[in-house]
Amino acid sequence: MIADDEPEIREVLRMMLESEGYGIVEACNAEEAVEYAEGVDLVILDILMPGESGIHACGKIREKSNVPILFLTAKSGEHDKVLGFSAGGDDYLVKPFSYMELLSRVKALIRRYRVYQKTEDKTDKMIFYRDLAIDTELQSVTDSGRKISLTEMEYQILLLLASNPRKIFSVKEIYEKVWKEDFYPSSGNTVMVHIRNIRRKLEKEGEPYIQNVWGRGYCVN
């Protein structure tokens, strides 16, 4: 789905992606974006739209779906990126963009989404950590029986750490294992924002579920 209030942008993106064999759904505002998000494999979402913003739409989509969300916007500030990731976005591409960069991001997000959606035949389908139960078949997380709503990337980070309770992962290792892309300096902030979101959703009294080991990285506590 392409959600942008500018018809010209939607047309260019539609032509680009249809030439690669993708089926396209278009939305011209945040309300339509939320309505049409169900059942698609990727949402390309503009931030600045009339009425509600793309950030607001992202939050609403996250209430009902873990579909990957790629923010496509003219806002390039670090604060804007943090807002986008905090709302549940998976990636961020600044206008103007190159055709090849857009296509590579689209392919990577859809590929990961489809891989993670597959039900794998694993002997150990449950991982238990403190009060958490991680069902790797259903890709669900519960805390003392209460379901925790995590985005795709948040789930994969938590799964990685909880599956390796004696290992400290650097930010670079987390990014390359979860996003399956090369690490760049700007990628570190992406990881930290997602971990902050996980902590917020799992927050309880006492020590946090995910511990920051100064100068080394992150691990489960």
C-alpha atoms as a PDB file:
ATOM      1  CA  MET A   1       0.000   0.000   0.000  1.00  0.00           C
ATOM      2  CA  ILE A   2       1.179   3.506  -0.909  1.00  0.00           C
ATOM      3  CA  ALA A   3      -0.214   6.202   1.403  1.00  0.00           C
ATOM      4  CA  ASP A   4       0.605   9.733   0.212  1.00  0.00           C
ATOM      5  CA  ASP A   5      -1.560  12.796  -0.322  1.00  0.00           C
ATOM      6  CA  GLU A   6       0.281  13.762  -3.529  1.00  0.00           C
ATOM      7  CA  PRO A   7      -1.187  11.943  -6.587  1.00  0.00           C
ATOM      8  CA  GLU A   8       2.057  12.436  -8.521  1.00  0.00           C
ATOM      9  CA  ILE A   9       4.093  10.624  -5.859  1.00  0.00           C
ATOM     10  CA  ARG A  10       1.609   7.768  -5.724  1.00  0.00           C
ATOM     11  CA  GLU A  11       1.657   7.449  -9.513  1.00  0.00           C
ATOM     12  CA  VAL A  12       5.464   7.343  -9.688  1.00  0.00           C
ATOM     13  CA  LEU A  13       5.673   4.757  -6.908  1.00  0.00           C
ATOM     14  CA  ARG A  14       2.879   2.691  -8.424  1.00  0.00           C
ATOM     15  CA  MET A  15       4.602   2.619 -11.825  1.00  0.00           C
ATOM     16  CA  MET A  16       7.915   1.680 -10.227  1.00  0.00           C
ATOM     17  CA  LEU A  17       6.523  -1.148  -8.155  1.00  0.00           C
ATOM     18  CA  GLU A  18       4.027  -2.489 -10.685  1.00  0.00           C
ATOM     19  CA  SER A  19       6.933  -2.834 -13.130  1.00  0.00           C
ATOM     20  CA  GLU A  20       8.445  -5.238 -10.577  1.00  0.00           C
ATOM     21  CA  GLY A  21       5.230  -7.262 -10.353  1.00  0.00           C
ATOM     22  CA  TYR A  22       3.763  -5.858  -7.134  1.00  0.00           C
ATOM     23  CA  GLY A  23       0.052  -5.252  -6.724  1.00  0.00           C
ATOM     24  CA  ILE A  24      -0.653  -1.767  -5.391  1.00  0.00           C
ATOM     25  CA  VAL A  25      -3.299  -0.306  -3.097  1.00  0.00           C
ATOM     26  CA  GLU A  26      -3.393   3.515  -2.814  1.00  0.00           C
ATOM     27  CA  ALA A  27      -4.458   5.723   0.083  1.00  0.00           C
ATOM     28  CA  CYS A  28      -4.519   9.531  -0.005  1.00  0.00           C
ATOM     29  CA  ASN A  29      -4.720  10.249   3.747  1.00  0.00           C
ATOM     30  CA  ALA A  30      -4.092   8.710   7.163  1.00  0.00           C
ATOM     31  CA  GLU A  31      -7.659   7.470   7.599  1.00  0.00           C
ATOM     32  CA  GLU A  32      -7.542   5.502   4.334  1.00  0.00           C
ATOM     33  CA  ALA A  33      -4.090   4.186   5.218  1.00  0.00           C
ATOM     34  CA  VAL A  34      -5.408   2.665   8.442  1.00  0.00           C
ATOM     35  CA  GLU A  35      -8.485   1.279   6.674  1.00  0.00           C
ATOM     36  CA  TYR A  36      -6.592  -0.302   3.764  1.00  0.00           C
ATOM     37  CA  ALA A  37      -3.598  -1.669   5.716  1.00  0.00           C
ATOM     38  CA  GLU A  38      -5.174  -5.007   6.545  1.00  0.00           C
ATOM     39  CA  GLY A  39      -4.090  -7.768   4.194  1.00  0.00           C
ATOM     40  CA  VAL A  40      -1.132  -5.999   2.529  1.00  0.00           C
ATOM     41  CA  ASP A  41       2.522  -7.090   2.774  1.00  0.00           C
ATOM     42  CA  LEU A  42       4.034  -3.602   3.110  1.00  0.00           C
ATOM     43  CA  VAL A  43       2.900  -0.058   3.888  1.00  0.00           C
ATOM     44  CA  ILE A  44       4.776   2.888   2.323  1.00  0.00           C
ATOM     45  CA  LEU A  45       3.633   5.796   4.447  1.00  0.00           C
ATOM     46  CA  ASP A  46       4.170   9.543   4.058  1.00  0.00           C
ATOM     47  CA  ILE A  47       4.455  11.484   7.320  1.00  0.00           C
ATOM     48  CA  LEU A  48       3.057  14.858   6.253  1.00  0.00           C
ATOM     49  CA  MET A  49      -0.542  14.449   5.087  1.00  0.00           C
ATOM     50  CA  PRO A  50      -3.697  16.560   5.539  1.00  0.00           C
ATOM     51  CA  GLY A  51      -5.597  15.761   8.720  1.00  0.00           C
ATOM     52  CA  GLU A  52      -3.928  13.083  10.810  1.00  0.00           C
ATOM     53  CA  SER A  53      -0.207  12.537  10.227  1.00  0.00           C
ATOM     54  CA  GLY A  54       1.505   9.393   9.013  1.00  0.00           C
ATOM     55  CA  ILE A  55       2.905   8.946  12.531  1.00  0.00           C
ATOM     56  CA  HIS A  56      -0.657   8.781  13.867  1.00  0.00           C
ATOM     57  CA  ALA A  57      -1.661   6.353  11.109  1.00  0.00           C
ATOM     58  CA  CYS A  58       1.331   4.142  11.924  1.00  0.00           C
ATOM     59  CA  GLY A  59       0.262   3.898  15.551  1.00  0.00           C
ATOM     60  CA  LYS A  60      -3.282   2.966  14.534  1.00  0.00           C
ATOM     61  CA  ILE A  61      -2.029   0.319  12.089  1.00  0.00           C
ATOM     62  CA  ARG A  62       0.179  -1.142  14.802  1.00  0.00           C
ATOM     63  CA  GLU A  63      -2.864  -1.695  16.999  1.00  0.00           C
ATOM     64  CA  LYS A  64      -4.107  -4.364  14.600  1.00  0.00           C
ATOM     65  CA  SER A  65      -1.206  -5.468  12.380  1.00  0.00           C
ATOM     66  CA  ASN A  66       2.538  -6.193  12.344  1.00  0.00           C
ATOM     67  CA  VAL A  67       2.820  -5.424   8.627  1.00  0.00           C
ATOM     68  CA  PRO A  68       6.175  -3.713   7.860  1.00  0.00           C
ATOM     69  CA  ILE A  69       5.911   0.078   7.529  1.00  0.00           C
ATOM     70  CA  LEU A  70       8.346   2.140   5.460  1.00  0.00           C
ATOM     71  CA  PHE A  71       8.187   5.875   6.088  1.00  0.00           C
ATOM     72  CA  LEU A  72       8.793   7.843   2.897  1.00  0.00           C
ATOM     73  CA  THR A  73       9.108  11.532   3.717  1.00  0.00           C
ATOM     74  CA  ALA A  74      10.871  14.844   3.188  1.00  0.00           C
ATOM     75  CA  LYS A  75      11.531  15.124   6.940  1.00  0.00           C
ATOM     76  CA  SER A  76      15.148  14.070   7.432  1.00  0.00           C
ATOM     77  CA  GLY A  77      15.876  15.173  11.014  1.00  0.00           C
ATOM     78  CA  GLU A  78      17.043  12.650  13.605  1.00  0.00           C
ATOM     79  CA  HIS A  79      14.089  13.579  15.825  1.00  0.00           C
ATOM     80  CA  ASP A  80      11.677  12.743  12.997  1.00  0.00           C
ATOM     81  CA  LYS A  81      13.281   9.325  12.552  1.00  0.00           C
ATOM     82  CA  VAL A  82      13.014   8.593  16.256  1.00  0.00           C
ATOM     83  CA  LEU A  83       9.317   9.538  16.162  1.00  0.00           C
ATOM     84  CA  GLY A  84       8.761   7.231  13.211  1.00  0.00           C
ATOM     85  CA  PHE A  85      10.478   4.251  14.820  1.00  0.00           C
ATOM     86  CA  SER A  86       8.804   4.914  18.177  1.00  0.00           C
ATOM     87  CA  ALA A  87       5.401   4.810  16.477  1.00  0.00           C
ATOM     88  CA  GLY A  88       6.206   1.339  15.124  1.00  0.00           C
ATOM     89  CA  GLY A  89       7.870   2.033  11.772  1.00  0.00           C
ATOM     90  CA  ASP A  90      10.387  -0.469  10.425  1.00  0.00           C
ATOM     91  CA  ASP A  91      12.360   1.683   7.996  1.00  0.00           C
ATOM     92  CA  TYR A  92      12.734   5.309   6.898  1.00  0.00           C
ATOM     93  CA  LEU A  93      13.541   6.695   3.452  1.00  0.00           C
ATOM     94  CA  VAL A  94      13.992  10.412   2.783  1.00  0.00           C
ATOM     95  CA  LYS A  95      12.800  12.189  -0.373  1.00  0.00           C
ATOM     96  CA  PRO A  96      14.274  12.541  -2.916  1.00  0.00           C
ATOM     97  CA  PHE A  97      15.193   8.871  -3.188  1.00  0.00           C
ATOM     98  CA  SER A  98      16.690   6.679  -5.872  1.00  0.00           C
ATOM     99  CA  TYR A  99      14.669   3.981  -7.607  1.00  0.00           C
ATOM    100  CA  MET A 100      17.193   1.270  -6.663  1.00  0.00           C
ATOM    101  CA  GLU A 101      17.290   2.299  -2.998  1.00  0.00           C
ATOM    102  CA  LEU A 102      13.505   2.255  -2.728  1.00  0.00           C
ATOM    103  CA  LEU A 103      13.259  -1.097  -4.475  1.00  0.00           C
ATOM    104  CA  SER A 104      15.944  -2.674  -2.278  1.00  0.00           C
ATOM    105  CA  ARG A 105      14.169  -1.501   0.884  1.00  0.00           C
ATOM    106  CA  VAL A 106      10.801  -2.769  -0.374  1.00  0.00           C
ATOM    107  CA  LYS A 107      12.197  -6.177  -1.307  1.00  0.00           C
ATOM    108  CA  ALA A 108      14.040  -6.565   2.001  1.00  0.00           C
ATOM    109  CA  LEU A 109      11.027  -5.623   4.138  1.00  0.00           C
ATOM    110  CA  ILE A 110       8.614  -7.886   2.257  1.00  0.00           C
ATOM    111  CA  ARG A 111      11.093 -10.782   2.222  1.00  0.00           C
ATOM    112  CA  ARG A 112      11.625 -10.595   5.985  1.00  0.00           C
ATOM    113  CA  TYR A 113       7.904 -10.240   6.640  1.00  0.00           C
ATOM    114  CA  ARG A 114       7.049 -13.322   4.598  1.00  0.00           C
ATOM    115  CA  VAL A 115       9.836 -15.374   6.154  1.00  0.00           C
ATOM    116  CA  TYR A 116       8.764 -14.418   9.683  1.00  0.00           C
ATOM    117  CA  GLN A 117       5.113 -15.173   8.896  1.00  0.00           C
ATOM    118  CA  LYS A 118       5.873 -18.776   7.950  1.00  0.00           C
ATOM    119  CA  THR A 119       5.131 -21.423  10.524  1.00  0.00           C
ATOM    120  CA  GLU A 120       8.309 -23.404  11.068  1.00  0.00           C
ATOM    121  CA  ASP A 121       8.349 -26.972  12.328  1.00  0.00           C
ATOM    122  CA  LYS A 122      10.582 -26.624  15.371  1.00  0.00           C
ATOM    123  CA  THR A 123      10.953 -29.062  18.219  1.00  0.00           C
ATOM    124  CA  ASP A 124      11.186 -26.297  20.818  1.00  0.00           C
ATOM    125  CA  LYS A 125       8.367 -23.908  19.988  1.00  0.00           C
ATOM    126  CA  MET A 126       8.278 -22.135  23.343  1.00  0.00           C
ATOM    127  CA  ILE A 127      10.914 -20.010  25.055  1.00  0.00           C
ATOM    128  CA  PHE A 128      10.377 -19.022  28.687  1.00  0.00           C
ATOM    129  CA  TYR A 129      12.182 -16.125  30.331  1.00  0.00           C
ATOM    130  CA  ARG A 130      11.121 -14.833  33.737  1.00  0.00           C
ATOM    131  CA  ASP A 131       7.379 -14.101  33.352  1.00  0.00           C
ATOM    132  CA  LEU A 132       7.535 -14.124  29.544  1.00  0.00           C
ATOM    133  CA  ALA A 133       6.406 -16.943  27.273  1.00  0.00           C
ATOM    134  CA  ILE A 134       7.530 -16.630  23.649  1.00  0.00           C
ATOM    135  CA  ASP A 135       5.671 -18.875  21.208  1.00  0.00           C
ATOM    136  CA  THR A 136       7.961 -19.159  18.166  1.00  0.00           C
ATOM    137  CA  GLU A 137       5.271 -20.899  16.130  1.00  0.00           C
ATOM    138  CA  LEU A 138       2.572 -18.269  16.652  1.00  0.00           C
ATOM    139  CA  GLN A 139       5.171 -15.492  17.060  1.00  0.00           C
ATOM    140  CA  SER A 140       3.401 -14.256  20.149  1.00  0.00           C
ATOM    141  CA  VAL A 141       4.657 -13.017  23.519  1.00  0.00           C
ATOM    142  CA  THR A 142       2.740 -13.167  26.782  1.00  0.00           C
ATOM    143  CA  ASP A 143       3.657 -11.794  30.195  1.00  0.00           C
ATOM    144  CA  SER A 144       2.028 -13.824  32.983  1.00  0.00           C
ATOM    145  CA  GLY A 145      -0.682 -14.706  30.472  1.00  0.00           C
ATOM    146  CA  ARG A 146      -1.153 -11.121  29.242  1.00  0.00           C
ATOM    147  CA  LYS A 147      -0.487 -10.725  25.515  1.00  0.00           C
ATOM    148  CA  ILE A 148       2.229  -8.208  24.638  1.00  0.00           C
ATOM    149  CA  SER A 149       1.814  -6.416  21.310  1.00  0.00           C
ATOM    150  CA  LEU A 150       5.208  -6.171  19.605  1.00  0.00           C
ATOM    151  CA  THR A 151       6.136  -5.110  16.088  1.00  0.00           C
ATOM    152  CA  GLU A 152       7.967  -7.587  13.863  1.00  0.00           C
ATOM    153  CA  MET A 153      11.388  -6.078  14.627  1.00  0.00           C
ATOM    154  CA  GLU A 154      10.697  -5.775  18.355  1.00  0.00           C
ATOM    155  CA  TYR A 155       9.672  -9.434  18.458  1.00  0.00           C
ATOM    156  CA  GLN A 156      12.799 -10.547  16.595  1.00  0.00           C
ATOM    157  CA  ILE A 157      15.106  -8.569  18.904  1.00  0.00           C
ATOM    158  CA  LEU A 158      13.456 -10.014  22.018  1.00  0.00           C
ATOM    159  CA  LEU A 159      13.553 -13.519  20.526  1.00  0.00           C
ATOM    160  CA  LEU A 160      17.250 -13.163  19.688  1.00  0.00           C
ATOM    161  CA  LEU A 161      18.185 -12.041  23.201  1.00  0.00           C
ATOM    162  CA  ALA A 162      15.916 -14.475  25.062  1.00  0.00           C
ATOM    163  CA  SER A 163      17.153 -17.389  22.941  1.00  0.00           C
ATOM    164  CA  ASN A 164      20.736 -16.623  23.985  1.00  0.00           C
ATOM    165  CA  PRO A 165      20.511 -15.754  27.698  1.00  0.00           C
ATOM    166  CA  ARG A 166      24.262 -15.996  28.324  1.00  0.00           C
ATOM    167  CA  LYS A 167      25.351 -13.867  25.370  1.00  0.00           C
ATOM    168  CA  ILE A 168      25.856 -10.113  25.087  1.00  0.00           C
ATOM    169  CA  PHE A 169      24.989  -8.801  21.612  1.00  0.00           C
ATOM    170  CA  SER A 170      26.531  -5.610  20.276  1.00  0.00           C
ATOM    171  CA  VAL A 171      24.269  -3.115  18.521  1.00  0.00           C
ATOM    172  CA  LYS A 172      25.945  -4.118  15.240  1.00  0.00           C
ATOM    173  CA  GLU A 173      25.245  -7.825  15.841  1.00  0.00           C
ATOM    174  CA  ILE A 174      21.600  -7.163  16.690  1.00  0.00           C
ATOM    175  CA  TYR A 175      21.058  -5.052  13.579  1.00  0.00           C
ATOM    176  CA  GLU A 176      22.729  -7.502  11.187  1.00  0.00           C
ATOM    177  CA  LYS A 177      20.982 -10.559  12.677  1.00  0.00           C
ATOM    178  CA  VAL A 178      17.500  -8.992  12.836  1.00  0.00           C
ATOM    179  CA  TRP A 179      17.449  -6.625   9.855  1.00  0.00           C
ATOM    180  CA  LYS A 180      19.788  -8.905   7.827  1.00  0.00           C
ATOM    181  CA  GLU A 181      21.487  -5.896   6.288  1.00  0.00           C
ATOM    182  CA  ASP A 182      24.919  -4.302   6.565  1.00  0.00           C
ATOM    183  CA  PHE A 183      25.367  -2.085   9.623  1.00  0.00           C
ATOM    184  CA  TYR A 184      25.959   1.653   9.223  1.00  0.00           C
ATOM    185  CA  PRO A 185      26.570   4.234  11.992  1.00  0.00           C
ATOM    186  CA  SER A 186      22.998   5.525  11.691  1.00  0.00           C
ATOM    187  CA  SER A 187      21.680   1.982  12.208  1.00  0.00           C
ATOM    188  CA  GLY A 188      22.647   2.080  15.884  1.00  0.00           C
ATOM    189  CA  ASN A 189      19.912   4.557  16.722  1.00  0.00           C
ATOM    190  CA  THR A 190      17.350   2.298  15.019  1.00  0.00           C
ATOM    191  CA  VAL A 191      18.279  -0.591  17.316  1.00  0.00           C
ATOM    192  CA  MET A 192      18.248   1.571  20.445  1.00  0.00           C
ATOM    193  CA  VAL A 193      14.802   2.992  19.692  1.00  0.00           C
ATOM    194  CA  HIS A 194      13.354  -0.494  19.179  1.00  0.00           C
ATOM    195  CA  ILE A 195      14.902  -1.749  22.432  1.00  0.00           C
ATOM    196  CA  ARG A 196      13.498   1.276  24.259  1.00  0.00           C
ATOM    197  CA  ASN A 197      10.047   0.388  22.889  1.00  0.00           C
ATOM    198  CA  ILE A 198      10.418  -3.229  24.064  1.00  0.00           C
ATOM    199  CA  ARG A 199      11.424  -2.070  27.531  1.00  0.00           C
ATOM    200  CA  ARG A 200       8.448   0.268  27.708  1.00  0.00           C
ATOM    201  CA  LYS A 201       6.034  -2.529  26.766  1.00  0.00           C
ATOM    202  CA  LEU A 202       7.568  -4.974  29.255  1.00  0.00           C
ATOM    203  CA  GLU A 203       8.207  -2.470  32.034  1.00  0.00           C
ATOM    204  CA  LYS A 204       7.730  -3.757  35.576  1.00  0.00           C
ATOM    205  CA  GLU A 205       9.014  -2.873  38.991  1.00  0.00           C
ATOM    206  CA  GLY A 206      12.557  -4.059  39.592  1.00  0.00           C
ATOM    207  CA  GLU A 207      15.285  -4.645  37.028  1.00  0.00           C
ATOM    208  CA  PRO A 208      14.474  -4.374  33.308  1.00  0.00           C
ATOM    209  CA  TYR A 209      14.115  -7.409  31.086  1.00  0.00           C
ATOM    210  CA  ILE A 210      16.802  -6.131  28.705  1.00  0.00           C
ATOM    211  CA  GLN A 211      20.063  -4.958  30.229  1.00  0.00           C
ATOM    212  CA  ASN A 212      22.550  -2.519  28.697  1.00  0.00           C
ATOM    213  CA  VAL A 213      26.120  -3.734  29.327  1.00  0.00           C
ATOM    214  CA  TRP A 214      28.153  -0.548  29.057  1.00  0.00           C
ATOM    215  CA  GLY A 215      30.499  -0.544  26.076  1.00  0.00           C
ATOM    216  CA  ARG A 216      29.497  -4.054  24.963  1.00  0.00           C
ATOM    217  CA  GLY A 217      25.822  -4.176  24.038  1.00  0.00           C
ATOM    218  CA  TYR A 218      22.582  -5.741  25.249  1.00  0.00           C
ATOM    219  CA  CYS A 219      21.473  -8.970  26.857  1.00  0.00           C
ATOM    220  CA  VAL A 220      18.509 -10.333  28.784  1.00  0.00           C
ATOM    221  CA  ASN A 221      18.897  -9.706  32.498  1.00  0.00           C
END
